[in-house]
Amino acid sequence: MQLGTPIPKTNLEAEGRIRKLVVRFYEIGRADPVLGPLFEAAIPNWPEHIAIVSDFWSHALLGTQRYRGNVFASHMRLPIEPVHFDLWLAVFKQAAAETLTPMLAEQAIARALHMTQSITVGLFPYKDAEGKPTRKPPFA
């Protein structure tokens, strides 16, 4: 798409649904007893964060070019564990089912699953004595 070319109506509709997805995701996530405190501690400016995450999902699902961040780097500094990604994915699936068309929800969930797997492998490259992912090398 060239600069100045209007976004087709179907993409405008998808953009609106993506924003609803992000808003709904954080509504559910902030109410979660495990995810909520993590979100509240990590996100000082909710309107700005919603806009950034909406741009990320617009890029991931529609190929727009507004997102300029680094998903991995932004999660690297957080005090998260692998279980948080399981919860995150469950909340994301619920929000996607509630806000997106079935086809877009399927695409978003597949993308979210891939993203959680990639970030988990990157953040937790080692296994502990029980075989669970960890950030700590086995002999540290």
C-alpha atoms as a PDB file:
ATOM      1  CA  MET A   1       0.000   0.000   0.000  1.00  0.00           C
ATOM      2  CA  GLN A   2       1.393   3.424  -0.970  1.00  0.00           C
ATOM      3  CA  LEU A   3       1.443   6.381   1.368  1.00  0.00           C
ATOM      4  CA  GLY A   4      -1.726   8.380   1.070  1.00  0.00           C
ATOM      5  CA  THR A   5      -3.731   5.411  -0.181  1.00  0.00           C
ATOM      6  CA  PRO A   6      -6.868   5.075   1.939  1.00  0.00           C
ATOM      7  CA  ILE A   7      -7.200   1.866   3.931  1.00  0.00           C
ATOM      8  CA  PRO A   8      -9.908  -0.309   2.374  1.00  0.00           C
ATOM      9  CA  LYS A   9     -13.146  -0.405   4.367  1.00  0.00           C
ATOM     10  CA  THR A  10     -12.585  -4.037   5.324  1.00  0.00           C
ATOM     11  CA  ASN A  11      -9.237  -3.085   6.886  1.00  0.00           C
ATOM     12  CA  LEU A  12     -10.863  -0.183   8.748  1.00  0.00           C
ATOM     13  CA  GLU A  13     -13.366  -2.644  10.163  1.00  0.00           C
ATOM     14  CA  ALA A  14     -10.560  -5.035  11.072  1.00  0.00           C
ATOM     15  CA  GLU A  15      -8.604  -2.183  12.707  1.00  0.00           C
ATOM     16  CA  GLY A  16     -11.634  -1.409  14.874  1.00  0.00           C
ATOM     17  CA  ARG A  17     -12.004  -5.034  15.857  1.00  0.00           C
ATOM     18  CA  ILE A  18      -8.290  -5.278  16.676  1.00  0.00           C
ATOM     19  CA  ARG A  19      -8.553  -2.282  18.989  1.00  0.00           C
ATOM     20  CA  LYS A  20     -11.582  -3.889  20.666  1.00  0.00           C
ATOM     21  CA  LEU A  21      -9.555  -7.089  21.042  1.00  0.00           C
ATOM     22  CA  VAL A  22      -6.726  -5.258  22.789  1.00  0.00           C
ATOM     23  CA  VAL A  23      -9.069  -3.323  25.077  1.00  0.00           C
ATOM     24  CA  ARG A  24     -11.008  -6.479  25.966  1.00  0.00           C
ATOM     25  CA  PHE A  25      -7.801  -8.455  26.521  1.00  0.00           C
ATOM     26  CA  TYR A  26      -6.614  -5.939  29.089  1.00  0.00           C
ATOM     27  CA  GLU A  27     -10.046  -5.715  30.727  1.00  0.00           C
ATOM     28  CA  ILE A  28      -9.962  -9.458  31.326  1.00  0.00           C
ATOM     29  CA  GLY A  29      -6.242  -9.556  32.116  1.00  0.00           C
ATOM     30  CA  ARG A  30      -6.356  -6.707  34.622  1.00  0.00           C
ATOM     31  CA  ALA A  31      -9.131  -8.530  36.491  1.00  0.00           C
ATOM     32  CA  ASP A  32      -7.062 -11.726  36.652  1.00  0.00           C
ATOM     33  CA  PRO A  33      -5.475 -12.247  40.101  1.00  0.00           C
ATOM     34  CA  VAL A  34      -2.144 -13.322  38.579  1.00  0.00           C
ATOM     35  CA  LEU A  35      -1.872 -11.222  35.415  1.00  0.00           C
ATOM     36  CA  GLY A  36      -3.526  -8.101  36.797  1.00  0.00           C
ATOM     37  CA  PRO A  37      -0.742  -7.140  39.223  1.00  0.00           C
ATOM     38  CA  LEU A  38       1.900  -7.761  36.534  1.00  0.00           C
ATOM     39  CA  PHE A  39       0.072  -5.534  34.075  1.00  0.00           C
ATOM     40  CA  GLU A  40      -0.488  -2.790  36.630  1.00  0.00           C
ATOM     41  CA  ALA A  41       3.184  -2.764  37.657  1.00  0.00           C
ATOM     42  CA  ALA A  42       4.498  -2.816  34.083  1.00  0.00           C
ATOM     43  CA  ILE A  43       2.130  -0.408  32.320  1.00  0.00           C
ATOM     44  CA  PRO A  44       2.203   3.185  33.590  1.00  0.00           C
ATOM     45  CA  ASN A  45       0.232   4.737  30.722  1.00  0.00           C
ATOM     46  CA  TRP A  46      -2.739   2.635  29.648  1.00  0.00           C
ATOM     47  CA  PRO A  47      -3.957   4.731  26.671  1.00  0.00           C
ATOM     48  CA  GLU A  48      -0.447   4.792  25.199  1.00  0.00           C
ATOM     49  CA  HIS A  49       0.009   1.058  25.811  1.00  0.00           C
ATOM     50  CA  ILE A  50      -3.356   0.205  24.212  1.00  0.00           C
ATOM     51  CA  ALA A  51      -2.335   2.219  21.130  1.00  0.00           C
ATOM     52  CA  ILE A  52       1.067   0.502  20.883  1.00  0.00           C
ATOM     53  CA  VAL A  53      -0.361  -2.994  21.303  1.00  0.00           C
ATOM     54  CA  SER A  54      -3.149  -2.206  18.814  1.00  0.00           C
ATOM     55  CA  ASP A  55      -0.477  -1.153  16.321  1.00  0.00           C
ATOM     56  CA  PHE A  56       1.412  -4.394  16.990  1.00  0.00           C
ATOM     57  CA  TRP A  57      -1.642  -6.543  16.280  1.00  0.00           C
ATOM     58  CA  SER A  58      -2.537  -4.441  13.241  1.00  0.00           C
ATOM     59  CA  HIS A  59       0.959  -5.132  11.939  1.00  0.00           C
ATOM     60  CA  ALA A  60       0.756  -8.837  12.800  1.00  0.00           C
ATOM     61  CA  LEU A  61      -2.675  -9.383  11.249  1.00  0.00           C
ATOM     62  CA  LEU A  62      -3.002  -6.744   8.534  1.00  0.00           C
ATOM     63  CA  GLY A  63       0.599  -5.950   7.653  1.00  0.00           C
ATOM     64  CA  THR A  64       0.407  -2.278   8.637  1.00  0.00           C
ATOM     65  CA  GLN A  65       3.682  -0.539   9.408  1.00  0.00           C
ATOM     66  CA  ARG A  66       2.868   1.617  12.454  1.00  0.00           C
ATOM     67  CA  TYR A  67       4.395  -0.680  15.076  1.00  0.00           C
ATOM     68  CA  ARG A  68       8.033   0.180  15.780  1.00  0.00           C
ATOM     69  CA  GLY A  69       8.708  -1.736  18.988  1.00  0.00           C
ATOM     70  CA  ASN A  70      10.458  -4.952  19.903  1.00  0.00           C
ATOM     71  CA  VAL A  71       8.111  -7.448  21.547  1.00  0.00           C
ATOM     72  CA  PHE A  72      10.880  -9.638  22.908  1.00  0.00           C
ATOM     73  CA  ALA A  73      12.862  -6.759  24.424  1.00  0.00           C
ATOM     74  CA  SER A  74       9.784  -5.286  26.069  1.00  0.00           C
ATOM     75  CA  HIS A  75       9.016  -8.598  27.807  1.00  0.00           C
ATOM     76  CA  MET A  76      12.615  -9.404  28.726  1.00  0.00           C
ATOM     77  CA  ARG A  77      12.702  -6.941  31.626  1.00  0.00           C
ATOM     78  CA  LEU A  78       9.451  -8.168  33.207  1.00  0.00           C
ATOM     79  CA  PRO A  79       9.279 -10.543  36.204  1.00  0.00           C
ATOM     80  CA  ILE A  80       7.380 -13.190  34.272  1.00  0.00           C
ATOM     81  CA  GLU A  81       7.457 -16.971  34.316  1.00  0.00           C
ATOM     82  CA  PRO A  82       6.296 -19.542  31.745  1.00  0.00           C
ATOM     83  CA  VAL A  83       2.958 -19.976  33.546  1.00  0.00           C
ATOM     84  CA  HIS A  84       2.157 -16.334  32.825  1.00  0.00           C
ATOM     85  CA  PHE A  85       2.220 -17.078  29.107  1.00  0.00           C
ATOM     86  CA  ASP A  86      -0.337 -19.863  29.555  1.00  0.00           C
ATOM     87  CA  LEU A  87      -2.630 -17.436  31.365  1.00  0.00           C
ATOM     88  CA  TRP A  88      -1.946 -14.699  28.809  1.00  0.00           C
ATOM     89  CA  LEU A  89      -2.872 -17.030  25.969  1.00  0.00           C
ATOM     90  CA  ALA A  90      -6.109 -18.128  27.665  1.00  0.00           C
ATOM     91  CA  VAL A  91      -7.123 -14.495  28.177  1.00  0.00           C
ATOM     92  CA  PHE A  92      -6.158 -13.658  24.594  1.00  0.00           C
ATOM     93  CA  LYS A  93      -8.242 -16.531  23.207  1.00  0.00           C
ATOM     94  CA  GLN A  94     -11.260 -15.371  25.193  1.00  0.00           C
ATOM     95  CA  ALA A  95     -10.858 -11.760  24.061  1.00  0.00           C
ATOM     96  CA  ALA A  96     -10.356 -12.811  20.426  1.00  0.00           C
ATOM     97  CA  ALA A  97     -13.465 -14.992  20.475  1.00  0.00           C
ATOM     98  CA  GLU A  98     -15.494 -12.119  21.921  1.00  0.00           C
ATOM     99  CA  THR A  99     -14.295  -9.339  19.609  1.00  0.00           C
ATOM    100  CA  LEU A 100     -13.082 -10.690  16.275  1.00  0.00           C
ATOM    101  CA  THR A 101     -14.718 -12.427  13.358  1.00  0.00           C
ATOM    102  CA  PRO A 102     -14.096 -16.188  13.464  1.00  0.00           C
ATOM    103  CA  MET A 103     -11.524 -15.990  10.657  1.00  0.00           C
ATOM    104  CA  LEU A 104      -9.626 -13.063  12.200  1.00  0.00           C
ATOM    105  CA  ALA A 105      -9.817 -14.691  15.659  1.00  0.00           C
ATOM    106  CA  GLU A 106      -8.286 -17.872  14.256  1.00  0.00           C
ATOM    107  CA  GLN A 107      -5.450 -15.885  12.666  1.00  0.00           C
ATOM    108  CA  ALA A 108      -4.876 -13.834  15.817  1.00  0.00           C
ATOM    109  CA  ILE A 109      -4.827 -16.890  18.079  1.00  0.00           C
ATOM    110  CA  ALA A 110      -2.394 -18.710  15.779  1.00  0.00           C
ATOM    111  CA  ARG A 111      -0.158 -15.639  15.788  1.00  0.00           C
ATOM    112  CA  ALA A 112      -0.429 -15.308  19.584  1.00  0.00           C
ATOM    113  CA  LEU A 113       0.452 -18.973  20.058  1.00  0.00           C
ATOM    114  CA  HIS A 114       3.524 -18.617  17.862  1.00  0.00           C
ATOM    115  CA  MET A 115       4.526 -15.426  19.671  1.00  0.00           C
ATOM    116  CA  THR A 116       4.175 -16.966  23.143  1.00  0.00           C
ATOM    117  CA  GLN A 117       6.211 -19.986  22.084  1.00  0.00           C
ATOM    118  CA  SER A 118       8.962 -17.800  20.613  1.00  0.00           C
ATOM    119  CA  ILE A 119       9.148 -15.471  23.604  1.00  0.00           C
ATOM    120  CA  THR A 120       9.067 -18.378  26.058  1.00  0.00           C
ATOM    121  CA  VAL A 121      11.971 -20.101  24.310  1.00  0.00           C
ATOM    122  CA  GLY A 122      13.920 -16.843  24.222  1.00  0.00           C
ATOM    123  CA  LEU A 123      13.273 -15.851  27.838  1.00  0.00           C
ATOM    124  CA  PHE A 124      13.638 -19.312  29.342  1.00  0.00           C
ATOM    125  CA  PRO A 125      16.367 -21.056  27.334  1.00  0.00           C
ATOM    126  CA  TYR A 126      17.388 -23.471  30.097  1.00  0.00           C
ATOM    127  CA  LYS A 127      15.717 -26.353  31.939  1.00  0.00           C
ATOM    128  CA  ASP A 128      15.796 -26.790  35.698  1.00  0.00           C
ATOM    129  CA  ALA A 129      16.299 -30.133  37.482  1.00  0.00           C
ATOM    130  CA  GLU A 130      12.625 -30.959  36.891  1.00  0.00           C
ATOM    131  CA  GLY A 131      12.831 -30.128  33.187  1.00  0.00           C
ATOM    132  CA  LYS A 132      10.866 -26.876  33.520  1.00  0.00           C
ATOM    133  CA  PRO A 133      11.934 -23.811  31.520  1.00  0.00           C
ATOM    134  CA  THR A 134      14.032 -21.281  33.444  1.00  0.00           C
ATOM    135  CA  ARG A 135      16.176 -18.195  32.868  1.00  0.00           C
ATOM    136  CA  LYS A 136      18.992 -19.618  35.013  1.00  0.00           C
ATOM    137  CA  PRO A 137      21.732 -21.792  33.519  1.00  0.00           C
ATOM    138  CA  PRO A 138      21.796 -25.267  35.109  1.00  0.00           C
ATOM    139  CA  PHE A 139      25.141 -24.697  36.819  1.00  0.00           C
ATOM    140  CA  ALA A 140      24.768 -21.055  37.823  1.00  0.00           C
END
